[in-house]
C-alpha atoms as a PDB file:
ATOM      1  CA  MET A   1      -0.139  -0.066   0.263  1.00  0.00           C
ATOM      2  CA  ARG A   2       1.654   3.597  -1.034  1.00  0.00           C
ATOM      3  CA  LEU A   3       0.892   6.444   1.282  1.00  0.00           C
ATOM      4  CA  PRO A   4      -0.981   9.834   0.527  1.00  0.00           C
ATOM      5  CA  VAL A   5       1.886  12.204  -0.731  1.00  0.00           C
ATOM      6  CA  SER A   6       0.214  14.440   2.365  1.00  0.00           C
ATOM      7  CA  THR A   7       0.971  11.513   4.670  1.00  0.00           C
ATOM      8  CA  ARG A   8       4.467  10.306   3.310  1.00  0.00           C
ATOM      9  CA  LEU A   9       5.454  14.409   3.831  1.00  0.00           C
ATOM     10  CA  PHE A  10       4.101  14.911   7.615  1.00  0.00           C
ATOM     11  CA  LEU A  11       6.298  11.840   8.338  1.00  0.00           C
ATOM     12  CA  ALA A  12       9.307  12.976   6.335  1.00  0.00           C
ATOM     13  CA  LEU A  13       9.007  16.254   8.159  1.00  0.00           C
ATOM     14  CA  CYS A  14       8.253  14.776  11.378  1.00  0.00           C
ATOM     15  CA  ALA A  15      12.033  12.967  11.550  1.00  0.00           C
ATOM     16  CA  VAL A  16      13.816  15.897   9.749  1.00  0.00           C
ATOM     17  CA  ALA A  17      11.965  17.742  13.180  1.00  0.00           C
ATOM     18  CA  GLY A  18      13.224  15.169  15.651  1.00  0.00           C
ATOM     19  CA  LEU A  19      10.279  14.046  16.397  1.00  0.00           C
ATOM     20  CA  PRO A  20      10.846  10.297  16.099  1.00  0.00           C
ATOM     21  CA  MET A  21       7.317   8.904  18.002  1.00  0.00           C
ATOM     22  CA  LEU A  22       5.500  10.601  15.072  1.00  0.00           C
ATOM     23  CA  ALA A  23       7.197   8.936  12.493  1.00  0.00           C
ATOM     24  CA  GLY A  24       8.051   5.655  14.224  1.00  0.00           C
ATOM     25  CA  ALA A  25      11.025   4.595  16.746  1.00  0.00           C
ATOM     26  CA  ALA A  26      14.010   4.136  14.843  1.00  0.00           C
ATOM     27  CA  PRO A  27      15.298   0.392  15.279  1.00  0.00           C
ATOM     28  CA  THR A  28      17.108  -0.275  18.765  1.00  0.00           C
ATOM     29  CA  HIS A  29      20.116  -2.710  17.986  1.00  0.00           C
ATOM     30  CA  PHE A  30      21.361  -4.353  21.476  1.00  0.00           C
ATOM     31  CA  LYS A  31      24.044  -7.023  20.935  1.00  0.00           C
ATOM     32  CA  HIS A  32      23.155  -9.260  18.243  1.00  0.00           C
ATOM     33  CA  LEU A  33      19.008  -8.411  19.089  1.00  0.00           C
ATOM     34  CA  THR A  34      16.981  -6.243  17.097  1.00  0.00           C
ATOM     35  CA  LEU A  35      14.174  -4.471  17.840  1.00  0.00           C
ATOM     36  CA  HIS A  36      11.669  -2.933  16.087  1.00  0.00           C
ATOM     37  CA  HIS A  37       8.305  -1.674  15.160  1.00  0.00           C
ATOM     38  CA  ALA A  38       7.570  -1.209  18.754  1.00  0.00           C
ATOM     39  CA  PHE A  39       4.107   0.528  19.240  1.00  0.00           C
ATOM     40  CA  ALA A  40       1.425   0.792  22.602  1.00  0.00           C
ATOM     41  CA  ARG A  41      -2.215   1.252  21.691  1.00  0.00           C
ATOM     42  CA  ALA A  42      -3.921   4.773  22.407  1.00  0.00           C
ATOM     43  CA  THR A  43      -6.282   4.181  25.590  1.00  0.00           C
ATOM     44  CA  VAL A  44      -8.510   6.055  26.879  1.00  0.00           C
ATOM     45  CA  PRO A  45      -9.422   8.046  30.284  1.00  0.00           C
ATOM     46  CA  GLY A  46     -10.245   5.544  33.399  1.00  0.00           C
ATOM     47  CA  GLN A  47      -9.049   2.064  31.078  1.00  0.00           C
ATOM     48  CA  GLU A  48      -5.877   0.709  33.035  1.00  0.00           C
ATOM     49  CA  VAL A  49      -4.696  -1.674  30.702  1.00  0.00           C
ATOM     50  CA  GLY A  50      -2.599  -1.419  27.781  1.00  0.00           C
ATOM     51  CA  ALA A  51      -0.487  -3.386  25.059  1.00  0.00           C
ATOM     52  CA  VAL A  52       3.131  -2.941  23.586  1.00  0.00           C
ATOM     53  CA  TYR A  53       3.618  -4.814  20.517  1.00  0.00           C
ATOM     54  CA  LEU A  54       6.716  -5.055  18.737  1.00  0.00           C
ATOM     55  CA  THR A  55       9.383  -7.540  16.755  1.00  0.00           C
ATOM     56  CA  ILE A  56      12.411  -8.914  17.910  1.00  0.00           C
ATOM     57  CA  GLU A  57      14.878 -10.144  15.533  1.00  0.00           C
ATOM     58  CA  ASN A  58      18.050 -12.396  16.956  1.00  0.00           C
ATOM     59  CA  ASP A  59      21.094 -12.567  14.882  1.00  0.00           C
ATOM     60  CA  GLY A  60      23.183 -14.694  17.544  1.00  0.00           C
ATOM     61  CA  ASP A  61      23.873 -17.746  17.623  1.00  0.00           C
ATOM     62  CA  GLN A  62      21.899 -18.830  21.175  1.00  0.00           C
ATOM     63  CA  PRO A  63      18.527 -18.730  21.750  1.00  0.00           C
ATOM     64  CA  GLU A  64      17.650 -15.311  23.821  1.00  0.00           C
ATOM     65  CA  VAL A  65      14.695 -15.098  26.468  1.00  0.00           C
ATOM     66  CA  LEU A  66      12.580 -12.527  27.686  1.00  0.00           C
ATOM     67  CA  THR A  67      11.939 -13.017  30.603  1.00  0.00           C
ATOM     68  CA  GLU A  68      11.026  -9.500  32.224  1.00  0.00           C
ATOM     69  CA  ALA A  69       9.379  -6.452  30.943  1.00  0.00           C
ATOM     70  CA  ARG A  70       9.129  -3.069  33.262  1.00  0.00           C
ATOM     71  CA  CYS A  71       7.111   0.717  31.539  1.00  0.00           C
ATOM     72  CA  THR A  72       7.753   3.737  33.251  1.00  0.00           C
ATOM     73  CA  ALA A  73       3.648   4.120  31.885  1.00  0.00           C
ATOM     74  CA  ALA A  74       2.572   1.401  34.285  1.00  0.00           C
ATOM     75  CA  ASP A  75       2.842  -0.348  38.034  1.00  0.00           C
ATOM     76  CA  GLN A  76       3.137  -3.944  35.951  1.00  0.00           C
ATOM     77  CA  VAL A  77       4.135  -4.961  32.921  1.00  0.00           C
ATOM     78  CA  THR A  78       3.607  -8.823  32.020  1.00  0.00           C
ATOM     79  CA  LEU A  79       4.257 -10.708  29.285  1.00  0.00           C
ATOM     80  CA  HIS A  80       0.584 -12.689  28.072  1.00  0.00           C
ATOM     81  CA  GLN A  81       0.023 -15.096  24.689  1.00  0.00           C
ATOM     82  CA  THR A  82      -3.455 -14.378  23.222  1.00  0.00           C
ATOM     83  CA  GLN A  83      -5.163 -17.945  22.462  1.00  0.00           C
ATOM     84  CA  HIS A  84      -8.710 -18.019  20.566  1.00  0.00           C
ATOM     85  CA  SER A  85     -11.264 -20.355  21.032  1.00  0.00           C
ATOM     86  CA  GLY A  86     -14.607 -20.331  18.888  1.00  0.00           C
ATOM     87  CA  ASP A  87     -15.502 -16.473  18.954  1.00  0.00           C
ATOM     88  CA  MET A  88     -13.743 -15.928  22.410  1.00  0.00           C
ATOM     89  CA  THR A  89     -10.310 -15.047  22.700  1.00  0.00           C
ATOM     90  CA  HIS A  90      -8.472 -16.102  26.456  1.00  0.00           C
ATOM     91  CA  MET A  91      -5.556 -14.172  27.399  1.00  0.00           C
ATOM     92  CA  HIS A  92      -3.126 -16.192  29.484  1.00  0.00           C
ATOM     93  CA  HIS A  93       0.002 -14.764  31.396  1.00  0.00           C
ATOM     94  CA  ALA A  94       3.022 -16.397  29.740  1.00  0.00           C
ATOM     95  CA  PRO A  95       6.516 -16.681  32.385  1.00  0.00           C
ATOM     96  CA  SER A  96       8.855 -15.828  28.775  1.00  0.00           C
ATOM     97  CA  PHE A  97       9.210 -15.506  25.462  1.00  0.00           C
ATOM     98  CA  VAL A  98      11.705 -17.565  23.382  1.00  0.00           C
ATOM     99  CA  ILE A  99      13.257 -15.810  20.527  1.00  0.00           C
ATOM    100  CA  PRO A 100      15.145 -18.382  18.471  1.00  0.00           C
ATOM    101  CA  ALA A 101      18.633 -18.269  17.310  1.00  0.00           C
ATOM    102  CA  HIS A 102      19.158 -16.739  14.027  1.00  0.00           C
ATOM    103  CA  GLY A 103      14.944 -16.092  14.442  1.00  0.00           C
ATOM    104  CA  GLN A 104      12.057 -13.581  15.240  1.00  0.00           C
ATOM    105  CA  LEU A 105       9.427 -13.191  17.922  1.00  0.00           C
ATOM    106  CA  VAL A 106       6.609 -10.693  16.969  1.00  0.00           C
ATOM    107  CA  LEU A 107       4.806  -9.208  19.355  1.00  0.00           C
ATOM    108  CA  ALA A 108       1.011  -8.657  17.848  1.00  0.00           C
ATOM    109  CA  PRO A 109      -2.159  -7.922  18.447  1.00  0.00           C
ATOM    110  CA  GLY A 110      -4.275 -11.031  18.945  1.00  0.00           C
ATOM    111  CA  GLY A 111      -1.451 -12.736  19.490  1.00  0.00           C
ATOM    112  CA  GLN A 112       1.625 -12.631  22.312  1.00  0.00           C
ATOM    113  CA  HIS A 113       1.837  -8.966  23.397  1.00  0.00           C
ATOM    114  CA  LEU A 114       3.344  -7.127  26.537  1.00  0.00           C
ATOM    115  CA  MET A 115       0.261  -6.146  28.590  1.00  0.00           C
ATOM    116  CA  LEU A 116       0.845  -2.904  30.600  1.00  0.00           C
ATOM    117  CA  GLU A 117      -1.347  -2.888  34.041  1.00  0.00           C
ATOM    118  CA  SER A 118      -2.096  -0.565  36.279  1.00  0.00           C
ATOM    119  CA  LEU A 119      -1.602   2.518  33.269  1.00  0.00           C
ATOM    120  CA  HIS A 120      -0.396   5.706  35.494  1.00  0.00           C
ATOM    121  CA  GLY A 121      -2.685   7.553  32.949  1.00  0.00           C
ATOM    122  CA  PRO A 122      -4.012   7.520  29.728  1.00  0.00           C
ATOM    123  CA  LEU A 123      -1.610   6.376  26.606  1.00  0.00           C
ATOM    124  CA  GLN A 124      -2.630   9.617  24.258  1.00  0.00           C
ATOM    125  CA  VAL A 125      -1.258   9.428  20.693  1.00  0.00           C
ATOM    126  CA  GLY A 126       1.832  10.947  19.603  1.00  0.00           C
ATOM    127  CA  SER A 127       3.535  10.476  23.081  1.00  0.00           C
ATOM    128  CA  ALA A 128       5.958   7.765  23.972  1.00  0.00           C
ATOM    129  CA  VAL A 129       6.619   6.130  27.254  1.00  0.00           C
ATOM    130  CA  GLU A 130       9.476   4.119  28.039  1.00  0.00           C
ATOM    131  CA  LEU A 131       9.807  -0.169  27.931  1.00  0.00           C
ATOM    132  CA  THR A 132      12.540  -2.178  29.727  1.00  0.00           C
ATOM    133  CA  LEU A 133      12.668  -5.658  28.568  1.00  0.00           C
ATOM    134  CA  HIS A 134      15.324  -8.046  30.265  1.00  0.00           C
ATOM    135  CA  PHE A 135      16.354 -10.920  28.244  1.00  0.00           C
ATOM    136  CA  GLU A 136      18.447 -13.935  29.104  1.00  0.00           C
ATOM    137  CA  PRO A 137      21.099 -13.910  28.697  1.00  0.00           C
ATOM    138  CA  SER A 138      21.852 -10.818  27.380  1.00  0.00           C
ATOM    139  CA  GLY A 139      20.361  -8.250  30.009  1.00  0.00           C
ATOM    140  CA  ASP A 140      18.848  -5.125  29.719  1.00  0.00           C
ATOM    141  CA  VAL A 141      17.996  -2.740  27.339  1.00  0.00           C
ATOM    142  CA  ARG A 142      15.459   0.615  26.966  1.00  0.00           C
ATOM    143  CA  ILE A 143      13.681   1.095  24.227  1.00  0.00           C
ATOM    144  CA  PRO A 144      11.108   4.032  23.810  1.00  0.00           C
ATOM    145  CA  VAL A 145       7.675   2.806  22.066  1.00  0.00           C
ATOM    146  CA  PRO A 146       5.745   5.482  20.841  1.00  0.00           C
ATOM    147  CA  VAL A 147       1.520   5.416  21.540  1.00  0.00           C
ATOM    148  CA  GLN A 148      -0.820   5.125  18.406  1.00  0.00           C
ATOM    149  CA  SER A 149      -4.307   5.196  17.593  1.00  0.00           C
ATOM    150  CA  LEU A 150      -6.493   2.490  18.829  1.00  0.00           C
ATOM    151  CA  GLN A 151      -7.313   1.636  15.018  1.00  0.00           C
ATOM    152  CA  SER A 152      -5.028   0.931  11.769  1.00  0.00           C
ATOM    153  CA  GLU A 153      -6.548   1.501   8.694  1.00  0.00           C
ATOM    154  CA  GLY A 154      -8.993  -1.028   7.997  1.00  0.00           C
ATOM    155  CA  GLU A 155      -8.804  -2.737  11.268  1.00  0.00           C
ATOM    156  CA  GLU A 156     -11.895  -3.085  13.525  1.00  0.00           C
ATOM    157  CA  VAL A 157     -11.732  -1.025  16.799  1.00  0.00           C
ATOM    158  CA  MET A 158     -11.548  -3.437  19.951  1.00  0.00           C
ATOM    159  CA  PRO A 159     -10.953  -1.381  23.371  1.00  0.00           C
ATOM    160  CA  MET A 160      -9.281  -3.499  25.885  1.00  0.00           C
ATOM    161  CA  PRO A 161     -11.186  -4.068  29.141  1.00  0.00           C
ATOM    162  CA  THR A 162     -11.149  -1.945  31.560  1.00  0.00           C
ATOM    163  CA  GLY A 163     -10.930  -4.745  34.254  1.00  0.00           C
ATOM    164  CA  HIS A 164      -8.192  -7.740  34.121  1.00  0.00           C
ATOM    165  CA  VAL A 165      -8.271 -10.546  35.820  1.00  0.00           C
ATOM    166  CA  HIS A 166      -4.606 -11.701  36.421  1.00  0.00           C
ATOM    167  CA  ASP A 167      -2.623 -14.507  38.208  1.00  0.00           C
ATOM    168  CA  PRO A 168       0.347 -14.353  38.133  1.00  0.00           C
ATOM    169  CA  HIS A 169       1.170 -18.056  38.308  1.00  0.00           C
ATOM    170  CA  GLY A 170      -0.653 -18.346  35.338  1.00  0.00           C
ATOM    171  CA  GLN A 171      -3.690 -20.776  36.976  1.00  0.00           C
ATOM    172  CA  GLU A 172      -6.658 -21.085  34.813  1.00  0.00           C
ATOM    173  CA  GLY A 173      -8.163 -18.556  37.071  1.00  0.00           C
ATOM    174  CA  GLY A 174      -5.916 -15.806  35.662  1.00  0.00           C
ATOM    175  CA  GLN A 175      -6.788 -15.210  31.843  1.00  0.00           C
ATOM    176  CA  ALA A 176      -9.022 -12.630  30.930  1.00  0.00           C
ATOM    177  CA  ALA A 177     -11.955 -13.758  28.599  1.00  0.00           C
ATOM    178  CA  VAL A 178     -12.393 -11.173  25.732  1.00  0.00           C
ATOM    179  CA  PRO A 179     -15.796 -11.792  23.127  1.00  0.00           C
ATOM    180  CA  GLY A 180     -13.578 -11.249  19.599  1.00  0.00           C
ATOM    181  CA  GLY A 181     -10.045 -10.786  20.339  1.00  0.00           C
ATOM    182  CA  GLN A 182      -7.956  -8.360  21.369  1.00  0.00           C
END
């Protein structure tokens, strides 16, 4: 899909003006990992949870394991796996995500993602939050995460629930069921 000239011009001006959060954050290179296409979805006032998505590429000869995340915009960040069953979507806590050697991990809507819990306030379009990811064995890396619109072109808006049931041990009671998906 080709963007309209006005959109391309706007993004170019944002990049030149030093506004990477509006033009999209540049990839972050950390040891043999590349983190790119990171974004958080905007939230509405009163919404207690949000989500972060990104792609992590591992050019190393050994797997990396994402074991923990922290964010300046939330009290807690948990790793989640979304599973679809009929017309229901269930989110389960995941203890870690593996990025295979010479492979990638895609955190995307409707799949694996990072859940921001107990937000400090709404995530507003055009702002950015700081995310710290902990990998085994490589350690911590901080990345900026731009906040984007709730709706991408051609995508149906499915707001996240304002309440989120979470069990840090991943028990059956620690899942949230959302009709239609994330």
